[in-house]
Amino acid sequence: MKLEEKNDAIRLRKLGKSYGEIYKKLGVSKGTLSLWLRQIKLTSKQKKRLYVTLKQKNSYRLAKYNQQKKKEKTKQIIAEAKEEFKRLSKNFLFITGLMLYWAEGDKSDESEIVKFSNSDPKMIKLMMTWFRKICRVPEERIRIAIHIHELHCRNNIENYWSKLTKVSKKQFHKTQIKPTSLQYRKNLLYDGTCSIRISDKNLFRRIKGWKIAFSERIK
């Protein structure tokens, strides 16, 4: 039986199979395979194939590991946020900002970017206060993006939003000017849409935890 297994192992190795593949097929330990097969030389093509396969397996394992770590981190932050909600729920600014973000903030779980967009200057100003005082976002992490129709665009539009948000224009993305078929301005006071963007996965998860806690409180 051992001789038959050895012959099968040699045949499979000569076909370019890895020790792992041979082990799965024959059930012979890798230590024994090492003794049986150490004299067999693989071709360059076979070596390349095994290298690519190993690299793919390692990449998959790493991806699964990172996925699990992400799930654990998300679960931890959401649990902490739900506890934090108990303390913050009596804060009027906290609840107001949370409701506004829930209504107007980014809904995608894929990007994990905190994003709030609106054309109302008072609402943008309030949310900037919320991000600074409640979320404790460092100034250098805040980015601003302006979207405006070409009919309403003017040279000082970025200055206007920079002054209102108290964010340096150095932290602005390139202003997006949209074409329009209109021939005149319907709203002379329109200043475009301001988007507040914060690339912070942990803050995204924290806000998610607050929203879950609020939903549970209502129930």
Protein backbone atom coordinates (compact mmCIF):
# COMPACT_ATOMS: atom_id res chain seq x y z
CA MET A 1 0.00 0.00 0.00
CA LYS A 2 2.82 2.39 0.91
CA LEU A 3 4.61 1.68 -2.37
CA GLU A 4 1.43 2.36 -4.31
CA GLU A 5 0.92 5.63 -2.44
CA LYS A 6 4.55 6.58 -3.03
CA ASN A 7 4.23 5.94 -6.75
CA ASP A 8 1.02 7.97 -6.91
CA ALA A 9 2.70 10.79 -5.00
CA ILE A 10 5.67 10.78 -7.39
CA ARG A 11 3.36 10.78 -10.40
CA LEU A 12 1.34 13.74 -9.04
CA ARG A 13 4.49 15.66 -8.12
CA LYS A 14 5.87 15.20 -11.63
CA LEU A 15 2.60 16.69 -12.88
CA GLY A 16 3.46 19.81 -10.89
CA LYS A 17 1.11 19.31 -7.92
CA SER A 18 1.91 20.93 -4.59
CA TYR A 19 2.44 18.96 -1.37
CA GLY A 20 -0.91 20.28 -0.15
CA GLU A 21 -2.73 19.07 -3.26
CA ILE A 22 -1.09 15.63 -3.00
CA TYR A 23 -1.91 15.42 0.71
CA LYS A 24 -5.59 16.14 0.01
CA LYS A 25 -5.70 13.42 -2.62
CA LEU A 26 -3.69 10.68 -0.89
CA GLY A 27 -3.87 11.56 2.80
CA VAL A 28 -0.11 11.08 3.23
CA SER A 29 1.56 13.44 5.70
CA LYS A 30 3.63 16.29 4.29
CA GLY A 31 6.65 15.01 6.22
CA THR A 32 6.47 11.68 4.41
CA LEU A 33 5.89 13.43 1.08
CA SER A 34 9.00 15.50 1.70
CA LEU A 35 11.07 12.31 2.04
CA TRP A 36 9.54 10.71 -1.03
CA LEU A 37 9.61 13.69 -3.35
CA ARG A 38 12.68 15.75 -2.44
CA GLN A 39 14.66 14.43 -5.39
CA ILE A 40 12.03 15.41 -7.95
CA LYS A 41 12.77 18.64 -9.81
CA LEU A 42 9.93 20.79 -11.07
CA THR A 43 10.00 22.67 -14.36
CA SER A 44 10.03 26.48 -14.40
CA LYS A 45 6.42 26.46 -15.58
CA GLN A 46 5.37 24.19 -12.72
CA LYS A 47 7.23 26.31 -10.17
CA LYS A 48 5.53 29.44 -11.51
CA ARG A 49 2.12 27.79 -11.27
CA LEU A 50 2.73 26.73 -7.64
CA TYR A 51 4.03 30.22 -6.78
CA VAL A 52 0.95 31.90 -8.23
CA THR A 53 -1.36 29.43 -6.45
CA LEU A 54 0.41 29.97 -3.13
CA LYS A 55 0.29 33.74 -3.58
CA GLN A 56 -3.44 33.59 -4.29
CA LYS A 57 -4.05 31.44 -1.20
CA ASN A 58 -2.03 33.78 0.99
CA SER A 59 -3.88 36.79 -0.42
CA TYR A 60 -7.21 35.10 0.30
CA ARG A 61 -6.17 34.24 3.86
CA LEU A 62 -5.02 37.83 4.43
CA ALA A 63 -8.27 39.19 2.99
CA LYS A 64 -10.33 36.90 5.26
CA TYR A 65 -8.22 37.88 8.26
CA ASN A 66 -8.64 41.58 7.53
CA GLN A 67 -12.36 41.08 6.98
CA GLN A 68 -12.71 39.40 10.37
CA LYS A 69 -10.63 42.10 12.08
CA LYS A 70 -12.84 44.75 10.47
CA LYS A 71 -15.99 43.01 11.73
CA GLU A 72 -14.57 42.78 15.25
CA LYS A 73 -13.46 46.43 15.21
CA THR A 74 -16.83 47.59 13.88
CA LYS A 75 -18.67 45.55 16.52
CA GLN A 76 -16.49 47.02 19.27
CA ILE A 77 -16.93 50.64 18.15
CA ILE A 78 -20.70 50.25 17.71
CA ALA A 79 -20.98 48.76 21.22
CA GLU A 80 -18.97 51.67 22.67
CA ALA A 81 -21.08 54.19 20.71
CA LYS A 82 -24.30 52.69 22.06
CA GLU A 83 -23.00 53.17 25.60
CA GLU A 84 -21.88 56.69 24.70
CA PHE A 85 -25.39 57.45 23.42
CA LYS A 86 -26.78 57.07 26.94
CA ARG A 87 -24.64 59.99 28.09
CA LEU A 88 -25.04 62.15 24.99
CA SER A 89 -28.76 61.65 24.39
CA LYS A 90 -29.65 64.57 26.68
CA ASN A 91 -27.46 66.93 24.64
CA PHE A 92 -29.67 68.91 22.24
CA LEU A 93 -26.84 69.53 19.76
CA PHE A 94 -25.99 65.84 19.69
CA ILE A 95 -29.55 64.72 18.91
CA THR A 96 -30.12 67.51 16.36
CA GLY A 97 -26.92 66.73 14.46
CA LEU A 98 -27.55 62.99 14.59
CA MET A 99 -31.03 63.39 13.10
CA LEU A 100 -29.76 65.70 10.36
CA TYR A 101 -26.95 63.31 9.51
CA TRP A 102 -29.37 60.39 9.46
CA ALA A 103 -31.55 62.27 6.98
CA GLU A 104 -28.91 63.93 4.77
CA GLY A 105 -25.67 62.05 5.44
CA ASP A 106 -24.08 59.35 3.33
CA LYS A 107 -26.00 56.06 3.56
CA SER A 108 -23.37 53.78 2.01
CA ASP A 109 -21.63 51.25 4.26
CA GLU A 110 -19.11 50.51 1.52
CA SER A 111 -17.12 53.75 1.45
CA GLU A 112 -17.19 54.33 5.24
CA ILE A 113 -16.67 58.04 4.58
CA VAL A 114 -18.58 60.50 6.74
CA LYS A 115 -20.28 62.84 4.30
CA PHE A 116 -22.99 65.47 4.72
CA SER A 117 -24.30 67.59 1.84
CA ASN A 118 -26.77 70.46 1.77
CA SER A 119 -27.36 73.84 0.17
CA ASP A 120 -28.70 75.48 3.33
CA PRO A 121 -25.86 77.56 4.89
CA LYS A 122 -27.42 77.37 8.37
CA MET A 123 -27.61 73.59 8.21
CA ILE A 124 -23.99 73.33 7.04
CA LYS A 125 -22.89 75.65 9.83
CA LEU A 126 -24.78 73.57 12.41
CA MET A 127 -23.24 70.33 11.15
CA MET A 128 -19.75 71.84 11.23
CA THR A 129 -20.38 72.61 14.91
CA TRP A 130 -21.63 69.05 15.44
CA PHE A 131 -18.57 67.51 13.82
CA ARG A 132 -16.24 69.73 15.84
CA LYS A 133 -17.90 69.69 19.27
CA ILE A 134 -19.64 66.32 19.36
CA CYS A 135 -17.53 64.15 17.03
CA ARG A 136 -14.27 65.90 17.95
CA VAL A 137 -13.00 65.82 14.36
CA PRO A 138 -9.51 67.34 14.00
CA GLU A 139 -9.49 70.33 11.64
CA GLU A 140 -6.95 68.77 9.29
CA ARG A 141 -9.28 65.84 8.54
CA ILE A 142 -12.13 67.98 7.24
CA ARG A 143 -12.57 68.36 3.50
CA ILE A 144 -15.10 70.49 1.63
CA ALA A 145 -16.51 69.93 -1.86
CA ILE A 146 -18.72 72.46 -3.68
CA HIS A 147 -21.21 71.57 -6.43
CA ILE A 148 -22.84 74.40 -8.33
CA HIS A 149 -24.56 75.03 -11.69
CA GLU A 150 -22.55 77.18 -14.10
CA LEU A 151 -25.36 79.74 -14.17
CA HIS A 152 -24.86 80.41 -10.46
CA CYS A 153 -21.11 80.10 -10.36
CA ARG A 154 -19.03 83.10 -9.34
CA ASN A 155 -15.38 83.72 -8.54
CA ASN A 156 -15.79 84.06 -4.80
CA ILE A 157 -17.97 80.96 -4.21
CA GLU A 158 -15.16 79.04 -2.44
CA ASN A 159 -14.38 82.08 -0.30
CA TYR A 160 -18.01 82.18 0.76
CA TRP A 161 -18.08 78.55 1.92
CA SER A 162 -14.61 78.75 3.43
CA LYS A 163 -15.67 81.67 5.59
CA LEU A 164 -18.92 79.97 6.59
CA THR A 165 -17.37 76.59 7.47
CA LYS A 166 -14.12 78.09 8.83
CA VAL A 167 -12.21 75.57 6.72
CA SER A 168 -9.16 76.67 4.73
CA LYS A 169 -9.52 76.59 0.95
CA LYS A 170 -6.43 74.38 0.93
CA GLN A 171 -8.74 71.65 2.26
CA PHE A 172 -11.29 72.10 -0.54
CA HIS A 173 -11.71 69.61 -3.34
CA LYS A 174 -11.94 71.01 -6.84
CA THR A 175 -15.31 72.75 -7.25
CA GLN A 176 -17.67 70.81 -9.51
CA ILE A 177 -19.48 73.11 -11.95
CA LYS A 178 -22.53 71.50 -13.58
CA PRO A 179 -23.83 72.62 -16.98
CA THR A 180 -27.42 73.89 -17.14
CA SER A 181 -29.96 74.63 -19.86
CA LEU A 182 -31.42 77.60 -17.97
CA GLN A 183 -30.88 81.07 -19.41
CA TYR A 184 -31.28 83.04 -16.20
CA ARG A 185 -30.93 82.56 -12.46
CA LYS A 186 -34.19 81.55 -10.78
CA ASN A 187 -32.72 81.90 -7.30
CA LEU A 188 -30.37 84.86 -7.05
CA LEU A 189 -29.26 83.80 -3.55
CA TYR A 190 -28.33 80.21 -4.46
CA ASP A 191 -24.74 79.37 -3.49
CA GLY A 192 -24.54 75.78 -4.61
CA THR A 193 -24.34 72.61 -2.51
CA CYS A 194 -21.67 72.20 0.14
CA SER A 195 -20.45 68.71 0.98
CA ILE A 196 -18.58 68.10 4.24
CA ARG A 197 -16.34 65.04 3.94
CA ILE A 198 -14.38 63.29 6.66
CA SER A 199 -12.37 60.18 5.81
CA ASP A 200 -12.60 58.39 9.15
CA LYS A 201 -13.85 54.79 9.26
CA ASN A 202 -14.02 54.75 13.04
CA LEU A 203 -16.18 57.89 13.14
CA PHE A 204 -18.43 56.37 10.47
CA ARG A 205 -18.91 53.29 12.69
CA ARG A 206 -19.38 55.43 15.77
CA ILE A 207 -22.20 57.41 14.16
CA LYS A 208 -23.72 54.12 13.00
CA GLY A 209 -23.70 52.96 16.63
CA TRP A 210 -25.45 56.16 17.72
CA LYS A 211 -28.17 55.61 15.10
CA ILE A 212 -28.67 52.00 16.23
CA ALA A 213 -28.93 53.13 19.86
CA PHE A 214 -31.48 55.79 18.91
CA SER A 215 -33.57 53.21 17.02
CA GLU A 216 -33.48 50.87 20.01
CA ARG A 217 -34.49 53.69 22.33
CA ILE A 218 -37.56 54.43 20.19
CA LYS A 219 -38.57 50.77 20.17
